[in-house]
Amino acid sequence: MGSRMRPAEGAMTLAEMKEFAGFGAATQRYIRRSLDIGLDREDAMLRWSRDVVEAASIRAQARLYNALPELRRGLPGDSGLEAAEPFLAPLITLAAFDLGQGRLTSFAAFRFLYERLIGAEVRPWLPAAFCAAAALPHLNPELRRKLLQSISEAAATASGWSNRQPAFFPHWVEKVDSGTSLAN
């Protein structure tokens, strides 16, 4: 049975890689940076900071992402309204920050990142968090319009969600000199 599952896992991983490849370079960079911060993978300041403005953004993001462990633990087991506020309020705050950075310009990119930061169980909550954060007044009206138009009716009204955990977690890859022979 395990060998039958492997091709499906490989196909899903490939689909995730293709989805990531479809995002623009700035979105890809922001997702990798966010995963480094949120999953404590790398020294994000050393890896991603290009100037003082970006360094300040990384520090702010790291402070906000300190809420991720609590969000993961607090994922509601059902869709009851009593679970919404304690979970959605901090999720919307994180989403508002990330959308405000201007690098996640679609629901697909937002979903891709947050499925990896929090886990597959967050999927039912993502449309609400995204729409709430995308409609906040701190965003430029043109960006708000673009973000809100990016969520499909199917994503906004889904009756169920997969609980399959993401398999592809993009990392930074060092550039290789094209003149270097790999045979050596």
C-alpha atoms as a PDB file:
ATOM      1  CA  MET A   1       0.000   0.000   0.000  1.00  0.00           C
ATOM      2  CA  GLY A   2       2.860   2.370   0.820  1.00  0.00           C
ATOM      3  CA  SER A   3       4.328   2.066  -2.673  1.00  0.00           C
ATOM      4  CA  ARG A   4       0.971   3.042  -4.188  1.00  0.00           C
ATOM      5  CA  MET A   5       0.951   6.235  -2.158  1.00  0.00           C
ATOM      6  CA  ARG A   6       4.385   7.383  -3.336  1.00  0.00           C
ATOM      7  CA  PRO A   7       3.439   8.352  -6.931  1.00  0.00           C
ATOM      8  CA  ALA A   8       0.493  10.383  -5.634  1.00  0.00           C
ATOM      9  CA  GLU A   9       2.749  12.133  -3.128  1.00  0.00           C
ATOM     10  CA  GLY A  10       5.260  12.851  -5.891  1.00  0.00           C
ATOM     11  CA  ALA A  11       2.562  14.213  -8.171  1.00  0.00           C
ATOM     12  CA  MET A  12       1.234  16.486  -5.417  1.00  0.00           C
ATOM     13  CA  THR A  13       4.732  17.718  -4.588  1.00  0.00           C
ATOM     14  CA  LEU A  14       5.312  18.464  -8.258  1.00  0.00           C
ATOM     15  CA  ALA A  15       1.990  20.328  -8.432  1.00  0.00           C
ATOM     16  CA  GLU A  16       3.032  22.411  -5.406  1.00  0.00           C
ATOM     17  CA  MET A  17       6.388  23.157  -7.031  1.00  0.00           C
ATOM     18  CA  LYS A  18       4.633  24.240 -10.240  1.00  0.00           C
ATOM     19  CA  GLU A  19       2.273  26.460  -8.269  1.00  0.00           C
ATOM     20  CA  PHE A  20       5.227  28.112  -6.513  1.00  0.00           C
ATOM     21  CA  ALA A  21       7.031  28.549  -9.844  1.00  0.00           C
ATOM     22  CA  GLY A  22       3.968  30.387 -11.163  1.00  0.00           C
ATOM     23  CA  PHE A  23       4.345  33.163  -8.589  1.00  0.00           C
ATOM     24  CA  GLY A  24       6.419  36.226  -9.461  1.00  0.00           C
ATOM     25  CA  ALA A  25       9.998  36.518  -8.235  1.00  0.00           C
ATOM     26  CA  ALA A  26       9.106  39.001  -5.469  1.00  0.00           C
ATOM     27  CA  THR A  27       6.337  36.706  -4.212  1.00  0.00           C
ATOM     28  CA  GLN A  28       8.648  33.683  -4.248  1.00  0.00           C
ATOM     29  CA  ARG A  29      11.288  35.623  -2.347  1.00  0.00           C
ATOM     30  CA  TYR A  30       8.758  36.810   0.241  1.00  0.00           C
ATOM     31  CA  ILE A  31       7.388  33.293   0.750  1.00  0.00           C
ATOM     32  CA  ARG A  32      10.879  31.847   1.270  1.00  0.00           C
ATOM     33  CA  ARG A  33      11.773  34.684   3.641  1.00  0.00           C
ATOM     34  CA  SER A  34       8.519  34.211   5.576  1.00  0.00           C
ATOM     35  CA  LEU A  35       9.054  30.468   5.865  1.00  0.00           C
ATOM     36  CA  ASP A  36      12.588  31.049   7.147  1.00  0.00           C
ATOM     37  CA  ILE A  37      11.183  33.377   9.815  1.00  0.00           C
ATOM     38  CA  GLY A  38       8.038  31.428  10.649  1.00  0.00           C
ATOM     39  CA  LEU A  39       9.615  27.970  10.713  1.00  0.00           C
ATOM     40  CA  ASP A  40      12.859  29.224  12.267  1.00  0.00           C
ATOM     41  CA  ARG A  41      14.879  27.748   9.394  1.00  0.00           C
ATOM     42  CA  GLU A  42      17.551  30.346   8.762  1.00  0.00           C
ATOM     43  CA  ASP A  43      18.862  33.619  10.084  1.00  0.00           C
ATOM     44  CA  ALA A  44      16.384  35.674   8.077  1.00  0.00           C
ATOM     45  CA  MET A  45      18.133  38.954   8.796  1.00  0.00           C
ATOM     46  CA  LEU A  46      21.419  37.651   7.435  1.00  0.00           C
ATOM     47  CA  ARG A  47      19.858  35.869   4.461  1.00  0.00           C
ATOM     48  CA  TRP A  48      17.170  38.336   3.320  1.00  0.00           C
ATOM     49  CA  SER A  49      17.995  41.853   4.495  1.00  0.00           C
ATOM     50  CA  ARG A  50      19.222  44.061   1.649  1.00  0.00           C
ATOM     51  CA  ASP A  51      18.832  47.438   3.360  1.00  0.00           C
ATOM     52  CA  VAL A  52      17.626  49.108   6.564  1.00  0.00           C
ATOM     53  CA  VAL A  53      14.009  49.214   5.382  1.00  0.00           C
ATOM     54  CA  GLU A  54      13.952  45.475   4.727  1.00  0.00           C
ATOM     55  CA  ALA A  55      15.745  44.823   8.026  1.00  0.00           C
ATOM     56  CA  ALA A  56      13.011  46.732   9.863  1.00  0.00           C
ATOM     57  CA  SER A  57      10.355  44.771   7.978  1.00  0.00           C
ATOM     58  CA  ILE A  58      12.009  41.460   8.914  1.00  0.00           C
ATOM     59  CA  ARG A  59      12.195  42.475  12.589  1.00  0.00           C
ATOM     60  CA  ALA A  60       8.506  43.438  12.563  1.00  0.00           C
ATOM     61  CA  GLN A  61       7.582  40.215  10.802  1.00  0.00           C
ATOM     62  CA  ALA A  62       9.574  38.142  13.299  1.00  0.00           C
ATOM     63  CA  ARG A  63       7.774  39.867  16.210  1.00  0.00           C
ATOM     64  CA  LEU A  64       4.366  39.156  14.661  1.00  0.00           C
ATOM     65  CA  TYR A  65       5.309  35.597  13.726  1.00  0.00           C
ATOM     66  CA  ASN A  66       5.978  34.890  17.413  1.00  0.00           C
ATOM     67  CA  ALA A  67       2.201  34.271  17.497  1.00  0.00           C
ATOM     68  CA  LEU A  68       2.494  31.279  15.125  1.00  0.00           C
ATOM     69  CA  PRO A  69       3.028  28.562  17.772  1.00  0.00           C
ATOM     70  CA  GLU A  70      -0.074  29.750  19.635  1.00  0.00           C
ATOM     71  CA  LEU A  71      -2.061  29.864  16.378  1.00  0.00           C
ATOM     72  CA  ARG A  72      -1.005  26.300  15.561  1.00  0.00           C
ATOM     73  CA  ARG A  73      -2.071  25.114  19.020  1.00  0.00           C
ATOM     74  CA  GLY A  74      -5.303  27.127  18.881  1.00  0.00           C
ATOM     75  CA  LEU A  75      -6.597  25.875  15.534  1.00  0.00           C
ATOM     76  CA  PRO A  76     -10.319  25.330  16.112  1.00  0.00           C
ATOM     77  CA  GLY A  77     -11.497  21.752  15.847  1.00  0.00           C
ATOM     78  CA  ASP A  78     -14.809  22.864  14.390  1.00  0.00           C
ATOM     79  CA  SER A  79     -16.333  25.883  12.708  1.00  0.00           C
ATOM     80  CA  GLY A  80     -18.300  27.093  15.713  1.00  0.00           C
ATOM     81  CA  LEU A  81     -18.520  30.845  16.225  1.00  0.00           C
ATOM     82  CA  GLU A  82     -17.107  30.641  19.747  1.00  0.00           C
ATOM     83  CA  ALA A  83     -13.799  29.489  18.243  1.00  0.00           C
ATOM     84  CA  ALA A  84     -13.658  32.207  15.603  1.00  0.00           C
ATOM     85  CA  GLU A  85     -12.547  35.282  17.535  1.00  0.00           C
ATOM     86  CA  PRO A  86      -9.621  33.845  19.530  1.00  0.00           C
ATOM     87  CA  PHE A  87      -8.231  32.250  16.379  1.00  0.00           C
ATOM     88  CA  LEU A  88      -9.205  34.642  13.587  1.00  0.00           C
ATOM     89  CA  ALA A  89      -8.196  37.888  15.274  1.00  0.00           C
ATOM     90  CA  PRO A  90      -4.464  37.019  15.483  1.00  0.00           C
ATOM     91  CA  LEU A  91      -4.589  35.285  12.077  1.00  0.00           C
ATOM     92  CA  ILE A  92      -6.050  38.415  10.473  1.00  0.00           C
ATOM     93  CA  THR A  93      -3.346  40.525  12.136  1.00  0.00           C
ATOM     94  CA  LEU A  94      -0.604  38.342  10.619  1.00  0.00           C
ATOM     95  CA  ALA A  95      -2.366  38.313   7.256  1.00  0.00           C
ATOM     96  CA  ALA A  96      -2.760  42.102   7.308  1.00  0.00           C
ATOM     97  CA  PHE A  97       0.964  42.505   7.887  1.00  0.00           C
ATOM     98  CA  ASP A  98       1.907  40.077   5.114  1.00  0.00           C
ATOM     99  CA  LEU A  99      -0.545  41.550   2.610  1.00  0.00           C
ATOM    100  CA  GLY A 100       0.600  45.046   3.571  1.00  0.00           C
ATOM    101  CA  GLN A 101       4.134  44.183   2.470  1.00  0.00           C
ATOM    102  CA  GLY A 102       2.821  44.111  -1.108  1.00  0.00           C
ATOM    103  CA  ARG A 103       4.508  40.840  -2.072  1.00  0.00           C
ATOM    104  CA  LEU A 104       1.578  38.456  -1.650  1.00  0.00           C
ATOM    105  CA  THR A 105      -0.656  39.751  -4.398  1.00  0.00           C
ATOM    106  CA  SER A 106      -3.186  36.910  -4.640  1.00  0.00           C
ATOM    107  CA  PHE A 107      -5.165  34.510  -2.516  1.00  0.00           C
ATOM    108  CA  ALA A 108      -3.183  31.637  -4.052  1.00  0.00           C
ATOM    109  CA  ALA A 109       0.135  33.046  -2.788  1.00  0.00           C
ATOM    110  CA  PHE A 110      -1.388  33.802   0.624  1.00  0.00           C
ATOM    111  CA  ARG A 111      -2.844  30.291   0.877  1.00  0.00           C
ATOM    112  CA  PHE A 112       0.452  28.728  -0.247  1.00  0.00           C
ATOM    113  CA  LEU A 113       2.346  30.524   2.519  1.00  0.00           C
ATOM    114  CA  TYR A 114      -0.143  30.034   5.336  1.00  0.00           C
ATOM    115  CA  GLU A 115      -0.689  26.326   4.663  1.00  0.00           C
ATOM    116  CA  ARG A 116       3.026  25.928   5.316  1.00  0.00           C
ATOM    117  CA  LEU A 117       3.287  28.330   8.245  1.00  0.00           C
ATOM    118  CA  ILE A 118       0.336  26.880  10.164  1.00  0.00           C
ATOM    119  CA  GLY A 119      -0.595  23.562   8.538  1.00  0.00           C
ATOM    120  CA  ALA A 120      -3.318  22.056   6.374  1.00  0.00           C
ATOM    121  CA  GLU A 121      -5.881  22.399   9.161  1.00  0.00           C
ATOM    122  CA  VAL A 122      -5.926  26.168   8.628  1.00  0.00           C
ATOM    123  CA  ARG A 123      -7.447  25.894   5.136  1.00  0.00           C
ATOM    124  CA  PRO A 124     -11.095  26.436   6.170  1.00  0.00           C
ATOM    125  CA  TRP A 125     -10.126  29.685   7.913  1.00  0.00           C
ATOM    126  CA  LEU A 126      -7.959  31.177   5.160  1.00  0.00           C
ATOM    127  CA  PRO A 127     -10.686  32.719   2.954  1.00  0.00           C
ATOM    128  CA  ALA A 128     -12.148  34.626   5.925  1.00  0.00           C
ATOM    129  CA  ALA A 129      -8.746  35.798   7.177  1.00  0.00           C
ATOM    130  CA  PHE A 130      -7.643  36.790   3.683  1.00  0.00           C
ATOM    131  CA  CYS A 131     -10.816  38.727   2.859  1.00  0.00           C
ATOM    132  CA  ALA A 132     -10.798  40.502   6.220  1.00  0.00           C
ATOM    133  CA  ALA A 133      -7.122  41.459   5.954  1.00  0.00           C
ATOM    134  CA  ALA A 134      -7.417  42.425   2.277  1.00  0.00           C
ATOM    135  CA  ALA A 135     -10.300  44.788   3.078  1.00  0.00           C
ATOM    136  CA  LEU A 136      -8.509  46.677   5.866  1.00  0.00           C
ATOM    137  CA  PRO A 137      -7.994  50.408   5.288  1.00  0.00           C
ATOM    138  CA  HIS A 138      -4.200  50.325   5.739  1.00  0.00           C
ATOM    139  CA  LEU A 139      -3.862  48.875   2.229  1.00  0.00           C
ATOM    140  CA  ASN A 140      -3.817  50.994  -0.879  1.00  0.00           C
ATOM    141  CA  PRO A 141      -7.297  50.852  -2.490  1.00  0.00           C
ATOM    142  CA  GLU A 142      -5.843  49.480  -5.732  1.00  0.00           C
ATOM    143  CA  LEU A 143      -4.070  46.678  -3.844  1.00  0.00           C
ATOM    144  CA  ARG A 144      -7.283  45.935  -1.898  1.00  0.00           C
ATOM    145  CA  ARG A 145      -9.179  45.616  -5.174  1.00  0.00           C
ATOM    146  CA  LYS A 146      -6.537  43.343  -6.711  1.00  0.00           C
ATOM    147  CA  LEU A 147      -6.377  41.121  -3.630  1.00  0.00           C
ATOM    148  CA  LEU A 148     -10.130  40.763  -3.230  1.00  0.00           C
ATOM    149  CA  GLN A 149     -10.556  39.990  -6.930  1.00  0.00           C
ATOM    150  CA  SER A 150      -7.933  37.244  -6.684  1.00  0.00           C
ATOM    151  CA  ILE A 151     -10.033  34.919  -4.532  1.00  0.00           C
ATOM    152  CA  SER A 152     -12.195  32.668  -6.641  1.00  0.00           C
ATOM    153  CA  GLU A 153     -15.793  31.900  -5.853  1.00  0.00           C
ATOM    154  CA  ALA A 154     -14.787  28.253  -5.434  1.00  0.00           C
ATOM    155  CA  ALA A 155     -12.166  29.143  -2.812  1.00  0.00           C
ATOM    156  CA  ALA A 156     -14.510  31.490  -0.984  1.00  0.00           C
ATOM    157  CA  THR A 157     -17.449  29.066  -0.888  1.00  0.00           C
ATOM    158  CA  ALA A 158     -15.771  25.647  -0.623  1.00  0.00           C
ATOM    159  CA  SER A 159     -17.794  23.103   1.303  1.00  0.00           C
ATOM    160  CA  GLY A 160     -14.743  21.071   2.292  1.00  0.00           C
ATOM    161  CA  TRP A 161     -10.963  21.200   2.384  1.00  0.00           C
ATOM    162  CA  SER A 162      -8.183  18.685   2.020  1.00  0.00           C
ATOM    163  CA  ASN A 163      -6.326  17.807   5.196  1.00  0.00           C
ATOM    164  CA  ARG A 164      -3.234  16.693   3.266  1.00  0.00           C
ATOM    165  CA  GLN A 165      -0.220  18.523   4.600  1.00  0.00           C
ATOM    166  CA  PRO A 166       1.879  20.484   2.096  1.00  0.00           C
ATOM    167  CA  ALA A 167       4.955  18.594   0.902  1.00  0.00           C
ATOM    168  CA  PHE A 168       6.987  21.323  -0.807  1.00  0.00           C
ATOM    169  CA  PHE A 169       8.618  23.955   1.403  1.00  0.00           C
ATOM    170  CA  PRO A 170      10.728  26.242  -0.820  1.00  0.00           C
ATOM    171  CA  HIS A 171      14.220  27.092   0.404  1.00  0.00           C
ATOM    172  CA  TRP A 172      16.896  29.514  -0.661  1.00  0.00           C
ATOM    173  CA  VAL A 173      19.211  27.959  -3.238  1.00  0.00           C
ATOM    174  CA  GLU A 174      22.678  29.367  -3.697  1.00  0.00           C
ATOM    175  CA  LYS A 175      23.483  30.429  -7.236  1.00  0.00           C
ATOM    176  CA  VAL A 176      25.976  28.143  -8.964  1.00  0.00           C
ATOM    177  CA  ASP A 177      28.550  29.590 -11.337  1.00  0.00           C
ATOM    178  CA  SER A 178      27.561  28.327 -14.781  1.00  0.00           C
ATOM    179  CA  GLY A 179      31.216  27.956 -15.730  1.00  0.00           C
ATOM    180  CA  THR A 180      31.858  25.438 -12.967  1.00  0.00           C
ATOM    181  CA  SER A 181      31.969  21.820 -14.057  1.00  0.00           C
ATOM    182  CA  LEU A 182      29.850  19.466 -11.994  1.00  0.00           C
ATOM    183  CA  ALA A 183      32.098  16.528 -12.982  1.00  0.00           C
ATOM    184  CA  ASN A 184      34.913  17.714 -10.707  1.00  0.00           C
END
